[in-house]
Amino acid sequence: MSSLPARVILLAGPSGSGKSSLAARTGLPVLALDDFYKDGDDPSLPVLPGGTGIDWDAPRSWNADAAVAAVAALCAEGVADTPVYDIAASAAGGCARLDLGGSPLFVAEGIFAAEIVARCRELGLLADAVCLRGRPATTARRRFVRDLREGRKAVPFLLRRGWHLMRAERAIVDRQVALGCHPCGADEALPRILAAPITEVAPSAGSAR
């Protein structure tokens, strides 16, 4: 086991941008932040305009406090129990234990990863924060194929959501950069993550503290 506390690399980006695939390619332990979605019966969930359904792309649909607690536990203890979320059922279906195995770094990836950059930095847990960006049409195609293959939601919902997210992608990336993430494509992100220091890096120029 490492004698030093571990540090987290937060990997953000729009849904379908390739975060999970990139995280797996790093060879580092991975915390799936999308497992911290709130259950579908949570009264605090945000709703879409007109009350037509839950807005699963709004940060308030996600339990940031629980995610930060898991990151902090991993950094301090090297292990943490985390939920296993079933997107099709809109509910956590159990829990799993993530063990860093002595690794001084791990990746925490998810569409809301940027929302906890400032808190992780304040707690001294952050090694780096990256936002994957690419072509909105490519992201939309990858997202639809994945969601259809995994049976995440009904096809009409996926089409409506996909169209909305494709139009909003540049604004999503801009927000994540403003929250403290460094924007880059996968080709730049992988070597950046592999070269991340165990101690925190300075924020990117122009990013929010």
N, C-alpha and C. Protein backbone atom coordinates (compact mmCIF):
# COMPACT_ATOMS: atom_id res chain seq x y z
N MET A 1 0.84 -1.19 0.00
CA MET A 1 0.00 0.00 0.00
C MET A 1 0.88 1.25 0.00
N SER A 2 0.40 2.31 -0.71
CA SER A 2 1.11 3.56 -0.70
C SER A 2 1.00 4.23 0.65
N SER A 3 2.07 4.89 1.10
CA SER A 3 2.03 5.60 2.38
C SER A 3 1.41 6.97 2.23
N LEU A 4 1.20 7.43 1.00
CA LEU A 4 0.62 8.74 0.74
C LEU A 4 -0.86 8.60 0.43
N PRO A 5 -1.68 9.62 0.79
CA PRO A 5 -3.08 9.59 0.39
C PRO A 5 -3.20 9.56 -1.13
N ALA A 6 -4.22 8.90 -1.64
CA ALA A 6 -4.46 8.88 -3.08
C ALA A 6 -5.04 10.21 -3.53
N ARG A 7 -4.99 10.45 -4.83
CA ARG A 7 -5.57 11.65 -5.42
C ARG A 7 -6.45 11.24 -6.59
N VAL A 8 -7.45 12.07 -6.88
CA VAL A 8 -8.43 11.76 -7.92
C VAL A 8 -8.20 12.60 -9.17
N ILE A 9 -8.41 11.98 -10.31
CA ILE A 9 -8.46 12.68 -11.59
C ILE A 9 -9.93 12.67 -12.02
N LEU A 10 -10.56 13.82 -12.05
CA LEU A 10 -11.96 13.93 -12.45
C LEU A 10 -12.05 14.00 -13.97
N LEU A 11 -12.84 13.11 -14.55
CA LEU A 11 -12.99 13.04 -16.00
C LEU A 11 -14.43 13.35 -16.36
N ALA A 12 -14.65 14.54 -16.90
CA ALA A 12 -15.98 15.01 -17.26
C ALA A 12 -16.14 14.97 -18.78
N GLY A 13 -17.28 15.49 -19.24
CA GLY A 13 -17.57 15.52 -20.67
C GLY A 13 -19.03 15.20 -20.91
N PRO A 14 -19.56 15.59 -22.06
CA PRO A 14 -20.95 15.29 -22.38
C PRO A 14 -21.23 13.79 -22.42
N SER A 15 -22.47 13.41 -22.22
CA SER A 15 -22.86 12.01 -22.33
C SER A 15 -22.52 11.50 -23.73
N GLY A 16 -21.79 10.37 -23.79
CA GLY A 16 -21.39 9.81 -25.07
C GLY A 16 -20.05 10.28 -25.58
N SER A 17 -19.33 11.08 -24.80
CA SER A 17 -18.06 11.62 -25.26
C SER A 17 -16.91 10.63 -25.16
N GLY A 18 -17.14 9.47 -24.54
CA GLY A 18 -16.10 8.45 -24.46
C GLY A 18 -15.38 8.39 -23.13
N LYS A 19 -15.99 8.91 -22.07
CA LYS A 19 -15.34 8.95 -20.76
C LYS A 19 -15.03 7.56 -20.21
N SER A 20 -16.02 6.68 -20.26
CA SER A 20 -15.83 5.34 -19.69
C SER A 20 -14.74 4.57 -20.43
N SER A 21 -14.76 4.67 -21.76
CA SER A 21 -13.74 3.98 -22.56
C SER A 21 -12.35 4.52 -22.26
N LEU A 22 -12.24 5.83 -22.18
CA LEU A 22 -10.94 6.43 -21.89
C LEU A 22 -10.47 6.05 -20.49
N ALA A 23 -11.37 6.10 -19.52
CA ALA A 23 -10.99 5.74 -18.15
C ALA A 23 -10.44 4.32 -18.09
N ALA A 24 -11.09 3.40 -18.82
CA ALA A 24 -10.63 2.01 -18.83
C ALA A 24 -9.24 1.90 -19.46
N ARG A 25 -8.97 2.72 -20.46
CA ARG A 25 -7.67 2.67 -21.16
C ARG A 25 -6.53 3.15 -20.28
N THR A 26 -6.81 3.94 -19.26
CA THR A 26 -5.72 4.44 -18.42
C THR A 26 -5.08 3.34 -17.57
N GLY A 27 -5.83 2.27 -17.30
CA GLY A 27 -5.34 1.22 -16.42
C GLY A 27 -5.42 1.57 -14.94
N LEU A 28 -5.96 2.75 -14.62
CA LEU A 28 -6.11 3.16 -13.23
C LEU A 28 -7.45 2.67 -12.68
N PRO A 29 -7.59 2.55 -11.36
CA PRO A 29 -8.90 2.26 -10.80
C PRO A 29 -9.90 3.35 -11.20
N VAL A 30 -11.16 2.95 -11.40
CA VAL A 30 -12.17 3.89 -11.91
C VAL A 30 -13.38 3.90 -10.99
N LEU A 31 -13.78 5.10 -10.58
CA LEU A 31 -15.03 5.32 -9.85
C LEU A 31 -16.05 5.86 -10.84
N ALA A 32 -17.16 5.14 -11.04
CA ALA A 32 -18.21 5.56 -11.98
C ALA A 32 -19.15 6.52 -11.26
N LEU A 33 -19.03 7.79 -11.55
CA LEU A 33 -19.83 8.80 -10.85
C LEU A 33 -21.30 8.76 -11.24
N ASP A 34 -21.62 8.19 -12.40
CA ASP A 34 -23.03 8.09 -12.79
C ASP A 34 -23.80 7.15 -11.86
N ASP A 35 -23.12 6.35 -11.07
CA ASP A 35 -23.79 5.49 -10.10
C ASP A 35 -24.38 6.28 -8.94
N PHE A 36 -24.06 7.56 -8.88
CA PHE A 36 -24.58 8.39 -7.79
C PHE A 36 -25.81 9.20 -8.19
N TYR A 37 -26.46 8.81 -9.29
CA TYR A 37 -27.76 9.41 -9.60
C TYR A 37 -28.73 9.15 -8.45
N LYS A 38 -29.68 10.08 -8.28
CA LYS A 38 -30.75 9.87 -7.30
C LYS A 38 -31.76 8.87 -7.85
N ASP A 39 -32.44 8.18 -6.95
CA ASP A 39 -33.50 7.26 -7.35
C ASP A 39 -34.67 8.04 -7.95
N GLY A 40 -35.40 7.36 -8.82
CA GLY A 40 -36.48 8.02 -9.56
C GLY A 40 -37.62 8.52 -8.71
N ASP A 41 -37.74 8.06 -7.46
CA ASP A 41 -38.81 8.52 -6.59
C ASP A 41 -38.35 9.60 -5.61
N ASP A 42 -37.13 10.11 -5.80
CA ASP A 42 -36.61 11.15 -4.93
C ASP A 42 -37.37 12.46 -5.20
N PRO A 43 -37.99 13.06 -4.18
CA PRO A 43 -38.78 14.27 -4.42
C PRO A 43 -37.95 15.49 -4.82
N SER A 44 -36.63 15.44 -4.65
CA SER A 44 -35.79 16.58 -5.00
C SER A 44 -35.37 16.57 -6.47
N LEU A 45 -35.77 15.56 -7.23
CA LEU A 45 -35.36 15.49 -8.63
C LEU A 45 -35.92 16.66 -9.43
N PRO A 46 -35.11 17.25 -10.32
CA PRO A 46 -35.61 18.34 -11.16
C PRO A 46 -36.49 17.80 -12.29
N VAL A 47 -37.44 18.59 -12.73
CA VAL A 47 -38.34 18.16 -13.79
C VAL A 47 -38.11 19.01 -15.04
N LEU A 48 -38.47 18.44 -16.17
CA LEU A 48 -38.36 19.14 -17.44
C LEU A 48 -39.43 20.23 -17.53
N PRO A 49 -39.22 21.23 -18.38
CA PRO A 49 -40.24 22.28 -18.54
C PRO A 49 -41.60 21.68 -18.89
N GLY A 50 -42.62 22.18 -18.26
CA GLY A 50 -43.95 21.65 -18.49
C GLY A 50 -44.27 20.41 -17.70
N GLY A 51 -43.31 19.98 -16.84
CA GLY A 51 -43.54 18.80 -16.01
C GLY A 51 -43.68 17.52 -16.80
N THR A 52 -42.97 17.43 -17.93
CA THR A 52 -43.11 16.27 -18.82
C THR A 52 -42.24 15.08 -18.42
N GLY A 53 -41.45 15.22 -17.37
CA GLY A 53 -40.60 14.12 -16.93
C GLY A 53 -39.43 14.64 -16.12
N ILE A 54 -38.59 13.74 -15.68
CA ILE A 54 -37.42 14.11 -14.88
C ILE A 54 -36.29 14.56 -15.80
N ASP A 55 -35.62 15.62 -15.39
CA ASP A 55 -34.48 16.12 -16.16
C ASP A 55 -33.20 15.44 -15.64
N TRP A 56 -32.88 14.30 -16.24
CA TRP A 56 -31.72 13.52 -15.81
C TRP A 56 -30.40 14.15 -16.22
N ASP A 57 -30.43 15.21 -17.01
CA ASP A 57 -29.20 15.89 -17.41
C ASP A 57 -28.91 17.12 -16.57
N ALA A 58 -29.75 17.38 -15.58
CA ALA A 58 -29.52 18.49 -14.65
C ALA A 58 -28.70 18.00 -13.47
N PRO A 59 -27.73 18.78 -13.00
CA PRO A 59 -26.90 18.34 -11.88
C PRO A 59 -27.70 17.97 -10.63
N ARG A 60 -28.88 18.54 -10.43
CA ARG A 60 -29.66 18.22 -9.22
C ARG A 60 -30.26 16.82 -9.26
N SER A 61 -30.12 16.12 -10.40
CA SER A 61 -30.57 14.72 -10.45
C SER A 61 -29.51 13.78 -9.89
N TRP A 62 -28.42 14.34 -9.43
CA TRP A 62 -27.24 13.58 -9.02
C TRP A 62 -26.87 13.93 -7.59
N ASN A 63 -26.40 12.95 -6.82
CA ASN A 63 -26.07 13.16 -5.41
C ASN A 63 -24.59 13.52 -5.27
N ALA A 64 -24.31 14.82 -5.38
CA ALA A 64 -22.93 15.28 -5.32
C ALA A 64 -22.29 15.01 -3.97
N ASP A 65 -23.07 15.14 -2.88
CA ASP A 65 -22.50 14.91 -1.54
C ASP A 65 -22.00 13.48 -1.39
N ALA A 66 -22.81 12.52 -1.86
CA ALA A 66 -22.40 11.11 -1.76
C ALA A 66 -21.18 10.83 -2.63
N ALA A 67 -21.12 11.46 -3.80
CA ALA A 67 -19.97 11.27 -4.69
C ALA A 67 -18.69 11.80 -4.06
N VAL A 68 -18.76 12.99 -3.48
CA VAL A 68 -17.58 13.56 -2.82
C VAL A 68 -17.16 12.70 -1.64
N ALA A 69 -18.13 12.18 -0.88
CA ALA A 69 -17.81 11.32 0.26
C ALA A 69 -17.07 10.06 -0.20
N ALA A 70 -17.49 9.48 -1.33
CA ALA A 70 -16.81 8.30 -1.84
C ALA A 70 -15.40 8.63 -2.32
N VAL A 71 -15.24 9.76 -2.99
CA VAL A 71 -13.91 10.19 -3.43
C VAL A 71 -13.00 10.39 -2.22
N ALA A 72 -13.53 11.05 -1.19
CA ALA A 72 -12.73 11.32 0.01
C ALA A 72 -12.32 10.01 0.71
N ALA A 73 -13.25 9.06 0.76
CA ALA A 73 -12.93 7.77 1.38
C ALA A 73 -11.85 7.03 0.60
N LEU A 74 -11.95 7.06 -0.71
CA LEU A 74 -10.94 6.40 -1.54
C LEU A 74 -9.57 7.05 -1.36
N CYS A 75 -9.56 8.37 -1.30
CA CYS A 75 -8.28 9.06 -1.13
C CYS A 75 -7.66 8.76 0.25
N ALA A 76 -8.50 8.69 1.27
CA ALA A 76 -7.99 8.49 2.62
C ALA A 76 -7.71 7.04 2.97
N GLU A 77 -8.62 6.15 2.55
CA GLU A 77 -8.55 4.75 2.98
C GLU A 77 -8.17 3.77 1.87
N GLY A 78 -8.34 4.20 0.62
CA GLY A 78 -8.03 3.31 -0.50
C GLY A 78 -9.16 2.38 -0.86
N VAL A 79 -10.26 2.41 -0.12
CA VAL A 79 -11.44 1.57 -0.41
C VAL A 79 -12.69 2.38 -0.13
N ALA A 80 -13.78 2.03 -0.82
CA ALA A 80 -15.07 2.67 -0.57
C ALA A 80 -16.18 1.79 -1.11
N ASP A 81 -17.30 1.78 -0.41
CA ASP A 81 -18.50 1.12 -0.89
C ASP A 81 -19.31 2.12 -1.71
N THR A 82 -19.68 1.74 -2.92
CA THR A 82 -20.38 2.65 -3.83
C THR A 82 -21.66 2.01 -4.35
N PRO A 83 -22.65 2.82 -4.71
CA PRO A 83 -23.88 2.25 -5.27
C PRO A 83 -23.66 1.71 -6.66
N VAL A 84 -24.54 0.79 -7.07
CA VAL A 84 -24.58 0.30 -8.45
C VAL A 84 -25.93 0.72 -9.01
N TYR A 85 -25.92 1.67 -9.92
CA TYR A 85 -27.17 2.27 -10.39
C TYR A 85 -27.67 1.61 -11.66
N ASP A 86 -28.96 1.32 -11.69
CA ASP A 86 -29.61 0.75 -12.86
C ASP A 86 -30.35 1.88 -13.57
N ILE A 87 -29.80 2.36 -14.68
CA ILE A 87 -30.39 3.50 -15.37
C ILE A 87 -31.77 3.17 -15.90
N ALA A 88 -31.96 1.97 -16.41
CA ALA A 88 -33.27 1.59 -16.95
C ALA A 88 -34.34 1.62 -15.87
N ALA A 89 -33.97 1.24 -14.64
CA ALA A 89 -34.92 1.22 -13.52
C ALA A 89 -34.94 2.53 -12.75
N SER A 90 -34.02 3.44 -13.05
CA SER A 90 -33.90 4.72 -12.35
C SER A 90 -33.75 4.51 -10.84
N ALA A 91 -32.91 3.56 -10.46
CA ALA A 91 -32.71 3.27 -9.04
C ALA A 91 -31.41 2.51 -8.84
N ALA A 92 -30.83 2.70 -7.65
CA ALA A 92 -29.66 1.91 -7.28
C ALA A 92 -30.10 0.48 -6.98
N GLY A 93 -29.37 -0.49 -7.54
CA GLY A 93 -29.75 -1.88 -7.37
C GLY A 93 -28.84 -2.67 -6.46
N GLY A 94 -28.01 -2.00 -5.71
CA GLY A 94 -27.08 -2.68 -4.82
C GLY A 94 -25.87 -1.81 -4.57
N CYS A 95 -24.78 -2.43 -4.11
CA CYS A 95 -23.56 -1.68 -3.87
C CYS A 95 -22.36 -2.56 -4.21
N ALA A 96 -21.24 -1.91 -4.40
CA ALA A 96 -20.00 -2.62 -4.72
C ALA A 96 -18.86 -1.95 -3.98
N ARG A 97 -17.80 -2.69 -3.75
CA ARG A 97 -16.63 -2.14 -3.07
C ARG A 97 -15.54 -1.88 -4.10
N LEU A 98 -15.05 -0.65 -4.13
CA LEU A 98 -13.93 -0.29 -4.99
C LEU A 98 -12.67 -0.22 -4.13
N ASP A 99 -11.65 -0.96 -4.53
CA ASP A 99 -10.38 -1.02 -3.82
C ASP A 99 -9.29 -0.52 -4.76
N LEU A 100 -8.58 0.50 -4.36
CA LEU A 100 -7.54 1.08 -5.22
C LEU A 100 -6.31 0.19 -5.31
N GLY A 101 -6.18 -0.79 -4.45
CA GLY A 101 -5.03 -1.69 -4.51
C GLY A 101 -3.70 -1.00 -4.34
N GLY A 102 -3.68 0.10 -3.61
CA GLY A 102 -2.44 0.82 -3.38
C GLY A 102 -2.11 1.87 -4.42
N SER A 103 -2.95 2.02 -5.45
CA SER A 103 -2.68 3.02 -6.49
C SER A 103 -2.76 4.42 -5.90
N PRO A 104 -1.80 5.29 -6.20
CA PRO A 104 -1.85 6.66 -5.68
C PRO A 104 -2.80 7.56 -6.44
N LEU A 105 -3.31 7.08 -7.58
CA LEU A 105 -4.22 7.85 -8.41
C LEU A 105 -5.40 6.98 -8.84
N PHE A 106 -6.56 7.60 -9.01
CA PHE A 106 -7.70 6.92 -9.61
C PHE A 106 -8.51 7.92 -10.41
N VAL A 107 -9.30 7.41 -11.33
CA VAL A 107 -10.15 8.25 -12.18
C VAL A 107 -11.58 8.17 -11.67
N ALA A 108 -12.24 9.32 -11.55
CA ALA A 108 -13.67 9.38 -11.25
C ALA A 108 -14.33 10.03 -12.46
N GLU A 109 -15.12 9.24 -13.19
CA GLU A 109 -15.66 9.75 -14.45
C GLU A 109 -17.18 9.79 -14.44
N GLY A 110 -17.74 10.81 -15.11
CA GLY A 110 -19.18 10.94 -15.20
C GLY A 110 -19.57 12.29 -15.76
N ILE A 111 -20.83 12.41 -16.18
CA ILE A 111 -21.25 13.66 -16.84
C ILE A 111 -21.29 14.84 -15.86
N PHE A 112 -21.33 14.55 -14.56
CA PHE A 112 -21.37 15.63 -13.57
C PHE A 112 -20.05 15.77 -12.81
N ALA A 113 -18.99 15.18 -13.31
CA ALA A 113 -17.71 15.23 -12.60
C ALA A 113 -17.24 16.66 -12.36
N ALA A 114 -17.51 17.55 -13.30
CA ALA A 114 -17.07 18.94 -13.14
C ALA A 114 -17.73 19.63 -11.96
N GLU A 115 -18.92 19.13 -11.57
CA GLU A 115 -19.64 19.77 -10.47
C GLU A 115 -18.91 19.67 -9.14
N ILE A 116 -17.96 18.74 -9.02
CA ILE A 116 -17.27 18.57 -7.73
C ILE A 116 -15.79 18.93 -7.81
N VAL A 117 -15.38 19.58 -8.89
CA VAL A 117 -13.98 19.98 -9.01
C VAL A 117 -13.57 20.89 -7.86
N ALA A 118 -14.36 21.94 -7.61
CA ALA A 118 -14.00 22.91 -6.58
C ALA A 118 -13.95 22.25 -5.20
N ARG A 119 -14.91 21.37 -4.90
CA ARG A 119 -14.95 20.73 -3.58
C ARG A 119 -13.76 19.79 -3.40
N CYS A 120 -13.42 19.04 -4.45
CA CYS A 120 -12.26 18.15 -4.35
C CYS A 120 -10.97 18.93 -4.20
N ARG A 121 -10.91 20.07 -4.89
CA ARG A 121 -9.71 20.90 -4.76
C ARG A 121 -9.60 21.46 -3.33
N GLU A 122 -10.71 21.95 -2.79
CA GLU A 122 -10.70 22.51 -1.44
C GLU A 122 -10.30 21.48 -0.39
N LEU A 123 -10.68 20.22 -0.64
CA LEU A 123 -10.36 19.14 0.30
C LEU A 123 -8.96 18.57 0.08
N GLY A 124 -8.26 19.09 -0.93
CA GLY A 124 -6.91 18.60 -1.20
C GLY A 124 -6.87 17.23 -1.83
N LEU A 125 -7.94 16.85 -2.56
CA LEU A 125 -8.05 15.51 -3.14
C LEU A 125 -7.71 15.47 -4.63
N LEU A 126 -7.62 16.61 -5.27
CA LEU A 126 -7.60 16.68 -6.74
C LEU A 126 -6.19 16.62 -7.31
N ALA A 127 -5.99 15.69 -8.27
CA ALA A 127 -4.75 15.65 -9.05
C ALA A 127 -4.93 16.40 -10.37
N ASP A 128 -6.10 16.24 -11.00
CA ASP A 128 -6.37 16.92 -12.27
C ASP A 128 -7.86 16.81 -12.57
N ALA A 129 -8.33 17.64 -13.49
CA ALA A 129 -9.72 17.61 -13.94
C ALA A 129 -9.74 17.85 -15.44
N VAL A 130 -10.35 16.92 -16.17
CA VAL A 130 -10.33 16.94 -17.63
C VAL A 130 -11.76 16.85 -18.17
N CYS A 131 -12.04 17.59 -19.22
CA CYS A 131 -13.32 17.51 -19.92
C CYS A 131 -13.08 17.03 -21.34
N LEU A 132 -13.63 15.87 -21.69
CA LEU A 132 -13.52 15.36 -23.06
C LEU A 132 -14.45 16.16 -23.97
N ARG A 133 -13.93 16.56 -25.11
CA ARG A 133 -14.75 17.26 -26.08
C ARG A 133 -14.49 16.70 -27.47
N GLY A 134 -15.48 16.80 -28.33
CA GLY A 134 -15.35 16.30 -29.70
C GLY A 134 -16.42 16.92 -30.57
N ARG A 135 -16.75 16.25 -31.67
CA ARG A 135 -17.80 16.74 -32.55
C ARG A 135 -19.16 16.35 -31.99
N PRO A 136 -20.08 17.29 -31.85
CA PRO A 136 -21.40 16.96 -31.31
C PRO A 136 -22.12 15.83 -32.05
N ALA A 137 -22.00 15.78 -33.38
CA ALA A 137 -22.67 14.72 -34.13
C ALA A 137 -22.08 13.35 -33.80
N THR A 138 -20.76 13.29 -33.64
CA THR A 138 -20.11 12.02 -33.28
C THR A 138 -20.52 11.59 -31.88
N THR A 139 -20.55 12.54 -30.95
CA THR A 139 -20.97 12.24 -29.59
C THR A 139 -22.40 11.72 -29.57
N ALA A 140 -23.28 12.37 -30.34
CA ALA A 140 -24.70 11.98 -30.37
C ALA A 140 -24.86 10.56 -30.92
N ARG A 141 -24.12 10.24 -31.96
CA ARG A 141 -24.22 8.90 -32.55
C ARG A 141 -23.71 7.84 -31.57
N ARG A 142 -22.59 8.11 -30.95
CA ARG A 142 -22.03 7.15 -29.98
C ARG A 142 -22.99 6.97 -28.79
N ARG A 143 -23.57 8.06 -28.32
CA ARG A 143 -24.49 8.00 -27.18
C ARG A 143 -25.73 7.18 -27.52
N PHE A 144 -26.32 7.40 -28.69
CA PHE A 144 -27.54 6.70 -29.06
C PHE A 144 -27.29 5.20 -29.21
N VAL A 145 -26.19 4.82 -29.85
CA VAL A 145 -25.86 3.41 -30.03
C VAL A 145 -25.66 2.74 -28.67
N ARG A 146 -24.95 3.39 -27.77
CA ARG A 146 -24.72 2.84 -26.43
C ARG A 146 -26.03 2.69 -25.66
N ASP A 147 -26.83 3.75 -25.64
CA ASP A 147 -28.07 3.71 -24.86
C ASP A 147 -29.05 2.70 -25.41
N LEU A 148 -29.08 2.54 -26.73
CA LEU A 148 -29.96 1.55 -27.34
C LEU A 148 -29.48 0.15 -27.02
N ARG A 149 -28.18 -0.08 -27.11
CA ARG A 149 -27.61 -1.40 -26.82
C ARG A 149 -27.85 -1.81 -25.38
N GLU A 150 -27.76 -0.86 -24.46
CA GLU A 150 -27.91 -1.15 -23.05
C GLU A 150 -29.36 -1.06 -22.57
N GLY A 151 -30.27 -0.68 -23.45
CA GLY A 151 -31.67 -0.59 -23.09
C GLY A 151 -31.92 0.40 -21.97
N ARG A 152 -31.24 1.54 -22.01
CA ARG A 152 -31.31 2.48 -20.89
C ARG A 152 -32.69 3.11 -20.75
N LYS A 153 -33.29 3.53 -21.86
CA LYS A 153 -34.61 4.15 -21.84
C LYS A 153 -35.32 3.82 -23.15
N ALA A 154 -36.60 4.19 -23.24
CA ALA A 154 -37.37 3.96 -24.47
C ALA A 154 -36.79 4.78 -25.61
N VAL A 155 -36.93 4.27 -26.84
CA VAL A 155 -36.35 4.91 -28.01
C VAL A 155 -36.84 6.35 -28.20
N PRO A 156 -38.13 6.66 -28.08
CA PRO A 156 -38.55 8.06 -28.24
C PRO A 156 -37.86 9.00 -27.26
N PHE A 157 -37.68 8.54 -26.02
CA PHE A 157 -36.97 9.36 -25.03
C PHE A 157 -35.53 9.57 -25.47
N LEU A 158 -34.87 8.51 -25.93
CA LEU A 158 -33.47 8.62 -26.35
C LEU A 158 -33.31 9.59 -27.51
N LEU A 159 -34.25 9.56 -28.45
CA LEU A 159 -34.17 10.46 -29.60
C LEU A 159 -34.35 11.91 -29.17
N ARG A 160 -35.35 12.17 -28.32
CA ARG A 160 -35.58 13.54 -27.85
C ARG A 160 -34.39 14.06 -27.06
N ARG A 161 -33.90 13.20 -26.15
CA ARG A 161 -32.76 13.61 -25.34
C ARG A 161 -31.52 13.82 -26.20
N GLY A 162 -31.32 12.91 -27.16
CA GLY A 162 -30.14 13.02 -28.02
C GLY A 162 -30.12 14.30 -28.83
N TRP A 163 -31.27 14.69 -29.36
CA TRP A 163 -31.35 15.93 -30.14
C TRP A 163 -31.05 17.14 -29.25
N HIS A 164 -31.63 17.14 -28.06
CA HIS A 164 -31.40 18.24 -27.13
C HIS A 164 -29.93 18.33 -26.74
N LEU A 165 -29.31 17.19 -26.40
CA LEU A 165 -27.91 17.21 -25.96
C LEU A 165 -26.96 17.58 -27.08
N MET A 166 -27.27 17.17 -28.31
CA MET A 166 -26.39 17.53 -29.42
C MET A 166 -26.38 19.06 -29.61
N ARG A 167 -27.56 19.68 -29.50
CA ARG A 167 -27.63 21.13 -29.66
C ARG A 167 -26.97 21.85 -28.48
N ALA A 168 -26.99 21.23 -27.30
CA ALA A 168 -26.46 21.88 -26.10
C ALA A 168 -25.00 21.53 -25.82
N GLU A 169 -24.39 20.67 -26.65
CA GLU A 169 -23.07 20.13 -26.28
C GLU A 169 -22.01 21.19 -26.05
N ARG A 170 -21.93 22.18 -26.92
CA ARG A 170 -20.89 23.19 -26.75
C ARG A 170 -21.08 23.97 -25.45
N ALA A 171 -22.33 24.25 -25.09
CA ALA A 171 -22.60 24.94 -23.83
C ALA A 171 -22.25 24.06 -22.64
N ILE A 172 -22.49 22.75 -22.77
CA ILE A 172 -22.14 21.80 -21.69
C ILE A 172 -20.63 21.81 -21.46
N VAL A 173 -19.86 21.75 -22.55
CA VAL A 173 -18.40 21.77 -22.43
C VAL A 173 -17.93 23.09 -21.82
N ASP A 174 -18.51 24.21 -22.29
CA ASP A 174 -18.12 25.52 -21.75
C ASP A 174 -18.36 25.59 -20.25
N ARG A 175 -19.48 25.04 -19.79
CA ARG A 175 -19.77 25.05 -18.35
C ARG A 175 -18.75 24.23 -17.58
N GLN A 176 -18.40 23.06 -18.10
CA GLN A 176 -17.46 22.20 -17.39
C GLN A 176 -16.06 22.81 -17.35
N VAL A 177 -15.69 23.52 -18.40
CA VAL A 177 -14.41 24.22 -18.39
C VAL A 177 -14.44 25.34 -17.35
N ALA A 178 -15.56 26.07 -17.29
CA ALA A 178 -15.69 27.15 -16.31
C ALA A 178 -15.62 26.63 -14.89
N LEU A 179 -16.04 25.38 -14.68
CA LEU A 179 -16.00 24.78 -13.36
C LEU A 179 -14.62 24.24 -12.98
N GLY A 180 -13.67 24.29 -13.93
CA GLY A 180 -12.29 23.94 -13.59
C GLY A 180 -11.67 22.81 -14.36
N CYS A 181 -12.34 22.30 -15.42
CA CYS A 181 -11.79 21.20 -16.20
C CYS A 181 -10.96 21.70 -17.38
N HIS A 182 -9.95 20.94 -17.72
CA HIS A 182 -9.14 21.23 -18.90
C HIS A 182 -9.79 20.54 -20.11
N PRO A 183 -10.18 21.28 -21.17
CA PRO A 183 -10.84 20.66 -22.31
C PRO A 183 -9.85 20.05 -23.30
N CYS A 184 -10.12 18.84 -23.75
CA CYS A 184 -9.25 18.20 -24.72
C CYS A 184 -9.92 16.97 -25.31
N GLY A 185 -9.39 16.51 -26.44
CA GLY A 185 -9.85 15.28 -27.04
C GLY A 185 -9.19 14.08 -26.37
N ALA A 186 -9.64 12.89 -26.74
CA ALA A 186 -9.13 11.68 -26.11
C ALA A 186 -7.63 11.50 -26.34
N ASP A 187 -7.13 11.90 -27.52
CA ASP A 187 -5.72 11.72 -27.82
C ASP A 187 -4.83 12.53 -26.89
N GLU A 188 -5.32 13.70 -26.48
CA GLU A 188 -4.56 14.51 -25.52
C GLU A 188 -4.85 14.08 -24.08
N ALA A 189 -6.08 13.68 -23.83
CA ALA A 189 -6.48 13.37 -22.46
C ALA A 189 -5.74 12.17 -21.89
N LEU A 190 -5.55 11.12 -22.70
CA LEU A 190 -4.92 9.91 -22.17
C LEU A 190 -3.51 10.16 -21.67
N PRO A 191 -2.60 10.74 -22.46
CA PRO A 191 -1.26 10.99 -21.92
C PRO A 191 -1.27 11.99 -20.77
N ARG A 192 -2.22 12.94 -20.78
CA ARG A 192 -2.29 13.90 -19.67
C ARG A 192 -2.63 13.17 -18.37
N ILE A 193 -3.60 12.26 -18.45
CA ILE A 193 -3.99 11.51 -17.25
C ILE A 193 -2.84 10.61 -16.78
N LEU A 194 -2.19 9.93 -17.72
CA LEU A 194 -1.10 9.03 -17.34
C LEU A 194 0.09 9.77 -16.74
N ALA A 195 0.20 11.06 -17.07
CA ALA A 195 1.31 11.86 -16.54
C ALA A 195 0.91 12.68 -15.33
N ALA A 196 -0.32 12.50 -14.84
CA ALA A 196 -0.82 13.32 -13.73
C ALA A 196 0.05 13.13 -12.50
N PRO A 197 0.36 14.22 -11.80
CA PRO A 197 1.15 14.11 -10.57
C PRO A 197 0.29 13.62 -9.42
N ILE A 198 0.93 13.08 -8.40
CA ILE A 198 0.20 12.62 -7.22
C ILE A 198 -0.34 13.81 -6.44
N THR A 199 0.37 14.93 -6.50
CA THR A 199 -0.13 16.15 -5.87
C THR A 199 -0.96 16.95 -6.86
N GLU A 200 -1.74 17.90 -6.37
CA GLU A 200 -2.66 18.64 -7.20
C GLU A 200 -1.95 19.53 -8.20
N VAL A 201 -2.51 19.61 -9.43
CA VAL A 201 -2.00 20.54 -10.43
C VAL A 201 -2.72 21.87 -10.28
N ALA A 202 -2.14 22.92 -10.84
CA ALA A 202 -2.77 24.22 -10.79
C ALA A 202 -3.98 24.26 -11.72
N PRO A 203 -5.01 25.07 -11.42
CA PRO A 203 -6.16 25.17 -12.32
C PRO A 203 -5.76 25.67 -13.69
N SER A 204 -6.52 25.27 -14.72
CA SER A 204 -6.28 25.76 -16.08
C SER A 204 -6.56 27.25 -16.13
N ALA A 205 -5.85 27.95 -17.03
CA ALA A 205 -6.08 29.37 -17.19
C ALA A 205 -7.52 29.64 -17.57
N GLY A 206 -8.15 30.57 -16.88
CA GLY A 206 -9.52 30.94 -17.19
C GLY A 206 -10.56 30.08 -16.52
N SER A 207 -10.16 29.04 -15.81
CA SER A 207 -11.14 28.17 -15.16
C SER A 207 -11.54 28.75 -13.82
N ALA A 208 -12.73 28.33 -13.37
CA ALA A 208 -13.24 28.84 -12.10
C ALA A 208 -12.50 28.18 -10.94
N ARG A 209 -12.32 28.88 -9.89
CA ARG A 209 -11.71 28.33 -8.67
C ARG A 209 -12.76 27.57 -7.90
